[in-house]
Protein backbone atom coordinates (compact mmCIF):
# COMPACT_ATOMS: atom_id res chain seq x y z
CA UNK A 1 98.48 37.79 -91.41
CA UNK A 2 101.00 37.43 -88.62
CA UNK A 3 101.37 34.42 -86.36
CA UNK A 4 103.00 35.20 -83.03
CA UNK A 5 104.70 32.13 -81.59
CA UNK A 6 105.01 31.20 -77.95
CA UNK A 7 108.27 31.97 -76.18
CA UNK A 8 108.93 28.25 -75.65
CA UNK A 9 108.06 27.16 -79.19
CA UNK A 10 110.21 24.31 -80.50
CA UNK A 11 111.88 24.02 -83.89
CA UNK A 12 109.67 21.01 -84.65
CA UNK A 13 106.54 23.06 -83.97
CA UNK A 14 107.81 25.88 -86.20
CA UNK A 15 108.47 23.43 -89.04
CA UNK A 16 105.01 21.91 -88.61
CA UNK A 17 103.34 25.32 -88.77
CA UNK A 18 105.28 26.36 -91.88
CA UNK A 19 104.45 23.05 -93.60
CA UNK A 20 100.77 23.55 -92.78
CA UNK A 21 100.71 27.07 -94.21
CA UNK A 22 102.64 26.16 -97.36
CA UNK A 23 100.41 23.15 -97.98
CA UNK A 24 97.61 25.67 -98.54
CA UNK A 25 99.57 27.43 -101.27
CA UNK A 26 100.75 30.35 -99.13
CA UNK A 27 104.25 31.58 -98.33
CA UNK A 28 105.47 31.58 -94.73
CA UNK A 29 108.21 34.00 -93.70
CA UNK A 30 109.97 33.28 -90.39
CA UNK A 31 111.28 36.30 -88.48
CA UNK A 32 113.22 35.85 -85.26
CA UNK A 33 113.07 39.18 -83.46
CA UNK A 34 114.71 40.44 -80.31
CA UNK A 35 111.66 39.71 -78.17
CA UNK A 36 109.60 37.17 -80.09
CA UNK A 37 109.41 34.90 -83.12
CA UNK A 38 106.88 35.73 -85.82
CA UNK A 39 105.67 33.94 -88.94
CA UNK A 40 104.34 36.23 -91.64
CA UNK A 41 101.82 34.79 -94.10
CA UNK A 42 102.03 36.08 -97.65
CA UNK A 43 99.37 35.27 -100.22
CA UNK A 44 95.60 34.85 -100.37
CA UNK A 45 94.71 34.69 -96.68
CA UNK A 46 91.15 33.60 -97.50
CA UNK A 47 92.59 30.10 -97.88
CA UNK A 48 93.10 30.11 -94.11
CA UNK A 49 89.44 30.80 -93.34
CA UNK A 50 88.71 27.20 -92.39
CA UNK A 51 92.06 26.58 -90.69
CA UNK A 52 92.16 27.37 -86.94
CA UNK A 53 95.82 28.38 -86.72
CA UNK A 54 95.44 29.21 -83.02
CA UNK A 55 95.08 25.45 -82.47
CA UNK A 56 98.47 24.68 -84.00
CA UNK A 57 101.01 23.79 -81.28
CA UNK A 58 103.39 26.63 -80.47
CA UNK A 59 101.08 29.42 -81.71
CA UNK A 60 100.38 32.21 -79.22
CA UNK A 61 98.31 34.62 -81.27
CA UNK A 62 97.10 35.19 -84.83
CA UNK A 63 96.89 38.81 -85.97
CA UNK A 64 95.20 39.86 -89.21
CA UNK A 65 97.37 42.48 -90.88
CA UNK A 66 95.81 45.22 -92.95
CA UNK A 67 98.83 47.16 -94.23
CA UNK A 68 100.65 45.67 -97.22
CA UNK A 69 104.02 46.06 -95.46
CA UNK A 70 103.37 43.07 -93.24
CA UNK A 71 106.90 42.44 -92.03
CA UNK A 72 107.77 46.10 -91.53
CA UNK A 73 104.55 46.83 -89.64
CA UNK A 74 104.33 47.51 -85.94
CA UNK A 75 102.02 44.51 -85.62
CA UNK A 76 104.91 42.30 -86.68
CA UNK A 77 107.06 43.51 -83.79
CA UNK A 78 105.21 45.48 -81.11
CA UNK A 79 108.60 46.18 -79.55
CA UNK A 80 111.00 48.37 -81.59
CA UNK A 81 113.69 46.48 -83.47
CA UNK A 82 117.31 47.06 -82.49
CA UNK A 83 119.75 46.83 -85.40
CA UNK A 84 123.35 45.82 -84.74
CA UNK A 85 125.98 47.35 -87.03
CA UNK A 86 129.21 45.58 -86.05
CA UNK A 87 128.48 46.23 -82.38
CA UNK A 88 126.83 49.64 -82.70
CA UNK A 89 123.14 49.44 -81.75
CA UNK A 90 120.47 51.49 -83.51
CA UNK A 91 116.93 51.62 -82.08
CA UNK A 92 115.37 50.88 -78.73
CA UNK A 93 116.93 53.97 -77.15
CA UNK A 94 120.33 53.49 -78.82
CA UNK A 95 121.31 56.25 -81.25
CA UNK A 96 123.36 56.17 -84.43
CA UNK A 97 125.81 59.02 -84.96
CA UNK A 98 126.77 58.55 -88.60
CA UNK A 99 129.27 61.07 -89.97
CA UNK A 100 131.83 61.48 -92.71
CA UNK A 101 132.34 63.01 -96.16
CA UNK A 102 129.92 62.58 -99.03
CA UNK A 103 132.62 60.89 -101.11
CA UNK A 104 135.83 59.06 -100.32
CA UNK A 105 138.46 61.26 -101.99
CA UNK A 106 141.84 60.07 -100.68
CA UNK A 107 143.35 58.16 -97.78
CA UNK A 108 144.77 61.31 -96.18
CA UNK A 109 141.43 63.13 -96.22
CA UNK A 110 139.43 60.09 -95.06
CA UNK A 111 141.89 59.47 -92.25
CA UNK A 112 141.73 63.07 -91.04
CA UNK A 113 137.94 63.29 -91.17
CA UNK A 114 137.56 59.86 -89.57
CA UNK A 115 139.78 60.90 -86.65
CA UNK A 116 137.84 64.15 -86.19
CA UNK A 117 134.34 62.68 -86.18
CA UNK A 118 135.38 59.79 -83.93
CA UNK A 119 136.82 62.23 -81.42
CA UNK A 120 133.59 64.24 -81.59
CA UNK A 121 131.52 61.16 -80.76
CA UNK A 122 130.45 59.61 -84.07
CA UNK A 123 129.96 55.85 -83.90
CA UNK A 124 129.63 54.96 -87.62
CA UNK A 125 131.83 56.32 -90.42
CA UNK A 126 130.27 57.07 -93.80
CA UNK A 127 131.73 57.79 -97.22
CA UNK A 128 130.69 57.12 -100.80
CA UNK A 129 132.84 55.01 -103.12
CA UNK A 130 130.19 54.89 -105.87
CA UNK A 131 128.56 58.28 -106.34
CA UNK A 132 125.26 58.59 -108.24
CA UNK A 133 125.32 62.15 -109.55
CA UNK A 134 122.81 64.23 -111.46
CA UNK A 135 125.48 65.09 -114.03
CA UNK A 136 127.41 62.30 -115.79
CA UNK A 137 130.42 64.65 -115.83
CA UNK A 138 130.61 65.02 -112.05
CA UNK A 139 132.91 62.97 -109.84
CA UNK A 140 131.60 59.40 -109.77
CA UNK A 141 133.68 58.00 -106.92
CA UNK A 142 136.84 55.93 -106.51
CA UNK A 143 134.91 52.62 -106.63
CA UNK A 144 136.82 49.67 -105.11
CA UNK A 145 139.79 51.82 -104.17
CA UNK A 146 137.37 54.05 -102.26
CA UNK A 147 135.93 51.03 -100.48
CA UNK A 148 139.41 49.98 -99.38
CA UNK A 149 140.18 53.47 -98.07
CA UNK A 150 136.90 53.68 -96.15
CA UNK A 151 137.42 50.24 -94.63
CA UNK A 152 140.96 51.10 -93.55
CA UNK A 153 139.85 54.39 -91.99
CA UNK A 154 137.03 52.70 -90.11
CA UNK A 155 139.37 50.04 -88.78
CA UNK A 156 142.01 52.58 -87.76
CA UNK A 157 139.56 54.74 -85.83
CA UNK A 158 137.47 51.91 -84.39
CA UNK A 159 134.22 52.55 -86.23
CA UNK A 160 132.01 50.38 -88.44
CA UNK A 161 131.44 51.85 -91.89
CA UNK A 162 128.45 52.45 -94.16
CA UNK A 163 128.58 53.12 -97.89
CA UNK A 164 126.16 53.25 -100.78
CA UNK A 165 125.60 50.39 -103.20
CA UNK A 166 123.97 51.32 -106.49
CA UNK A 167 124.01 48.19 -108.60
CA UNK A 168 122.91 44.65 -107.68
CA UNK A 169 125.96 43.40 -109.58
CA UNK A 170 128.18 45.23 -107.06
CA UNK A 171 126.54 43.93 -103.90
CA UNK A 172 129.08 41.13 -103.43
CA UNK A 173 131.98 43.57 -103.90
CA UNK A 174 130.63 46.19 -101.50
CA UNK A 175 129.74 43.52 -98.94
CA UNK A 176 133.43 42.61 -98.67
CA UNK A 177 134.28 46.05 -97.26
CA UNK A 178 131.23 47.55 -95.58
CA UNK A 179 129.42 46.88 -92.30
CA UNK A 180 126.18 48.39 -93.59
CA UNK A 181 124.74 48.93 -97.05
CA UNK A 182 123.23 52.29 -97.89
CA UNK A 183 120.44 52.45 -100.45
CA UNK A 184 120.21 56.02 -101.68
CA UNK A 185 117.08 58.02 -102.41
CA UNK A 186 117.38 57.43 -106.16
CA UNK A 187 117.39 53.67 -105.61
CA UNK A 188 114.68 53.40 -102.96
CA UNK A 189 112.41 51.65 -105.46
CA UNK A 190 115.13 49.71 -107.27
CA UNK A 191 113.48 46.43 -106.33
CA UNK A 192 116.18 44.25 -107.88
CA UNK A 193 118.78 45.99 -105.73
CA UNK A 194 116.58 45.76 -102.62
CA UNK A 195 116.13 42.05 -103.21
CA UNK A 196 119.89 41.60 -103.62
CA UNK A 197 120.80 43.29 -100.32
CA UNK A 198 117.93 41.44 -98.67
CA UNK A 199 119.64 38.18 -99.57
CA UNK A 200 122.69 39.24 -97.56
CA UNK A 201 122.68 39.47 -93.80
CA UNK A 202 124.31 42.90 -93.60
CA UNK A 203 122.30 45.81 -92.13
CA UNK A 204 120.70 48.12 -94.69
CA UNK A 205 120.28 51.91 -94.38
CA UNK A 206 117.31 52.72 -96.63
CA UNK A 207 116.82 56.35 -97.56
CA UNK A 208 113.43 57.78 -98.45
CA UNK A 209 113.00 58.59 -102.12
CA UNK A 210 112.73 62.19 -103.24
CA UNK A 211 109.02 61.85 -104.09
CA UNK A 212 108.14 58.89 -101.88
CA UNK A 213 105.52 58.69 -99.16
CA UNK A 214 106.24 57.12 -95.80
CA UNK A 215 104.27 54.05 -96.85
CA UNK A 216 106.29 53.85 -100.09
CA UNK A 217 109.42 53.75 -97.93
CA UNK A 218 107.99 50.96 -95.81
CA UNK A 219 107.03 48.95 -98.88
CA UNK A 220 110.62 49.21 -100.08
CA UNK A 221 111.82 48.01 -96.69
CA UNK A 222 109.42 45.09 -97.11
CA UNK A 223 111.43 43.91 -100.13
CA UNK A 224 114.54 43.58 -97.95
CA UNK A 225 112.67 41.96 -95.06
CA UNK A 226 110.89 39.50 -97.35
CA UNK A 227 114.26 38.07 -98.38
CA UNK A 228 115.02 37.16 -94.78
CA UNK A 229 117.17 40.15 -93.82
CA UNK A 230 115.55 41.83 -90.78
CA UNK A 231 118.24 44.47 -90.33
CA UNK A 232 116.80 47.61 -91.93
CA UNK A 233 117.21 51.19 -90.74
CA UNK A 234 115.05 53.84 -92.42
CA UNK A 235 116.24 57.36 -93.18
CA UNK A 236 114.31 60.60 -93.65
CA UNK A 237 116.44 62.81 -95.92
CA UNK A 238 113.92 65.26 -97.28
CA UNK A 239 111.50 65.20 -100.21
CA UNK A 240 111.09 67.44 -103.23
CA UNK A 241 109.44 70.80 -102.61
CA UNK A 242 108.49 73.98 -104.47
CA UNK A 243 110.64 76.08 -102.09
CA UNK A 244 114.14 76.76 -103.49
CA UNK A 245 115.55 78.02 -100.19
CA UNK A 246 116.47 74.50 -99.08
CA UNK A 247 117.67 71.54 -101.10
CA UNK A 248 114.64 69.48 -100.03
CA UNK A 249 111.75 69.66 -97.59
CA UNK A 250 112.77 68.14 -94.25
CA UNK A 251 109.69 66.13 -93.30
CA UNK A 252 110.25 65.86 -89.56
CA UNK A 253 106.68 64.57 -89.14
CA UNK A 254 107.75 61.45 -91.02
CA UNK A 255 109.68 60.33 -87.94
CA UNK A 256 106.76 59.97 -85.48
CA UNK A 257 104.52 58.82 -88.34
CA UNK A 258 106.91 55.97 -89.11
CA UNK A 259 107.07 55.09 -85.42
CA UNK A 260 103.29 54.63 -85.44
CA UNK A 261 103.44 52.30 -88.44
CA UNK A 262 106.66 50.32 -88.11
CA UNK A 263 109.02 48.69 -85.65
CA UNK A 264 112.06 49.62 -87.76
CA UNK A 265 114.45 52.32 -86.51
CA UNK A 266 114.47 55.61 -88.40
CA UNK A 267 117.24 58.20 -88.51
CA UNK A 268 117.37 61.68 -90.08
CA UNK A 269 119.78 63.17 -92.61
CA UNK A 270 119.60 66.96 -92.25
CA UNK A 271 122.53 67.43 -94.63
CA UNK A 272 120.61 66.23 -97.69
CA UNK A 273 117.31 67.49 -96.33
CA UNK A 274 118.43 71.11 -96.14
CA UNK A 275 121.62 71.39 -98.20
CA UNK A 276 122.60 74.23 -95.87
CA UNK A 277 125.17 73.92 -93.06
CA UNK A 278 123.49 76.75 -91.12
CA UNK A 279 120.26 74.74 -90.89
CA UNK A 280 121.76 71.31 -90.16
CA UNK A 281 122.13 71.68 -86.34
CA UNK A 282 118.54 72.83 -85.75
CA UNK A 283 117.09 70.13 -88.02
CA UNK A 284 119.27 67.43 -86.45
CA UNK A 285 118.01 68.42 -83.00
CA UNK A 286 114.41 68.57 -84.26
CA UNK A 287 114.70 65.08 -85.74
CA UNK A 288 116.05 63.65 -82.51
CA UNK A 289 113.35 65.41 -80.48
CA UNK A 290 110.72 63.94 -82.82
CA UNK A 291 111.90 60.44 -81.97
CA UNK A 292 114.63 59.66 -84.50
CA UNK A 293 117.06 56.86 -83.69
CA UNK A 294 120.07 58.78 -84.92
CA UNK A 295 121.46 61.39 -87.27
CA UNK A 296 123.42 61.12 -90.52
CA UNK A 297 125.59 64.18 -91.20
CA UNK A 298 128.16 65.04 -93.85
CA UNK A 299 131.46 66.36 -92.52
CA UNK A 300 134.43 67.65 -94.53
CA UNK A 301 137.62 69.35 -93.35
CA UNK A 302 137.80 71.59 -96.43
CA UNK A 303 134.33 71.87 -98.01
CA UNK A 304 135.49 74.25 -100.73
CA UNK A 305 137.71 71.49 -102.12
CA UNK A 306 135.21 68.65 -101.70
CA UNK A 307 134.58 66.58 -104.82
CA UNK A 308 130.93 66.05 -103.88
CA UNK A 309 128.37 68.07 -101.84
CA UNK A 310 130.89 70.30 -100.11
CA UNK A 311 128.32 73.08 -99.83
CA UNK A 312 126.24 71.05 -97.36
CA UNK A 313 129.03 69.66 -95.18
CA UNK A 314 129.86 70.74 -91.65
CA UNK A 315 133.43 71.47 -90.63
CA UNK A 316 134.81 69.06 -88.00
CA UNK A 317 134.62 71.80 -85.35
CA UNK A 318 130.97 72.46 -86.20
CA UNK A 319 130.19 68.77 -86.03
CA UNK A 320 131.89 68.48 -82.64
CA UNK A 321 129.71 71.31 -81.29
CA UNK A 322 126.55 69.71 -82.69
CA UNK A 323 127.49 66.26 -81.38
CA UNK A 324 127.80 67.71 -77.88
CA UNK A 325 124.33 69.25 -78.20
CA UNK A 326 122.89 65.97 -79.46
CA UNK A 327 124.39 64.09 -76.51
CA UNK A 328 122.74 66.54 -74.14
CA UNK A 329 119.36 66.16 -75.84
CA UNK A 330 119.72 62.37 -75.93
CA UNK A 331 120.31 62.33 -72.18
CA UNK A 332 117.21 64.46 -71.65
CA UNK A 333 115.19 62.02 -73.77
CA UNK A 334 116.51 58.99 -71.90
CA UNK A 335 118.52 57.72 -74.86
CA UNK A 336 122.19 56.97 -75.30
CA UNK A 337 124.76 56.80 -78.07
CA UNK A 338 126.02 53.27 -78.60
CA UNK A 339 129.80 53.02 -78.52
CA UNK A 340 131.67 50.98 -81.15
CA UNK A 341 133.10 47.72 -79.86
CA UNK A 342 136.59 48.18 -78.46
CA UNK A 343 136.35 51.98 -78.34
CA UNK A 344 136.20 53.50 -74.85
CA UNK A 345 133.30 55.82 -74.02
């Protein structure tokens, strides 16, 4: 159940409502959105059958919620949420242009790629310091040294940064350097990790699991939201398929489907979805046309020497060409690419 509060509700009225709900043995979750304040009720809602919540001062409307992802549902926020990543807006017509190498390899390489993608129009810099790999013998990342390099490159080129966190024990460390946590596909249902990042107030980029449904993805987002962190961006990055011609199946229909179910922004990652540089531009454009709130693309200046996923990375020149196409499509769709704070358009 969701309780929509009046625009002029007072703090005293909010406290009274929460006390009333909790006195019945239920949990009340307060969410202050861009356009309205909502209280989500978690627990056995039958206990509220004899309680006319509409009569409680400050309450505007009471909405029964059927989906289990109460806080992520569109009923929770009829207006789309806008997530702020150190000044870069995602959602509500503002697009994320996330780009960078799969892994942070060295300062020189990160600096060069950061400069190239910024010039092309990227607004968030990505790079992995902790790399979950299928093989234990593959490059596993530079860890804290990688975080320092990524942070320095982002600061130099005027972009916020996003990087993956894999272990709840590393959340505090990663939080010191990043502007946005990334939860990778393998960890989409790592509920301990989701709870840990939910207890921070940093934005979270949550990737869809390799065998997860859209509703599975939203339930994972619910774990973050339930901890009081409303800043979640979803990511469609492809699911497992029987077809070996692409790395994964790019489920472009997941974008409008998610929009019908949730207020959370969703971006697409055609790099992981296809694993093929020749397919990335078309799939990026398709995702944006389907309603995505941004694109997440791997870029490397020398893919043949990349320590991770070089085969699916665009060259900086290819990314610049695609970014120009995406800007044109965004304009046609009435959307715009948010500029990092302090960086001229």
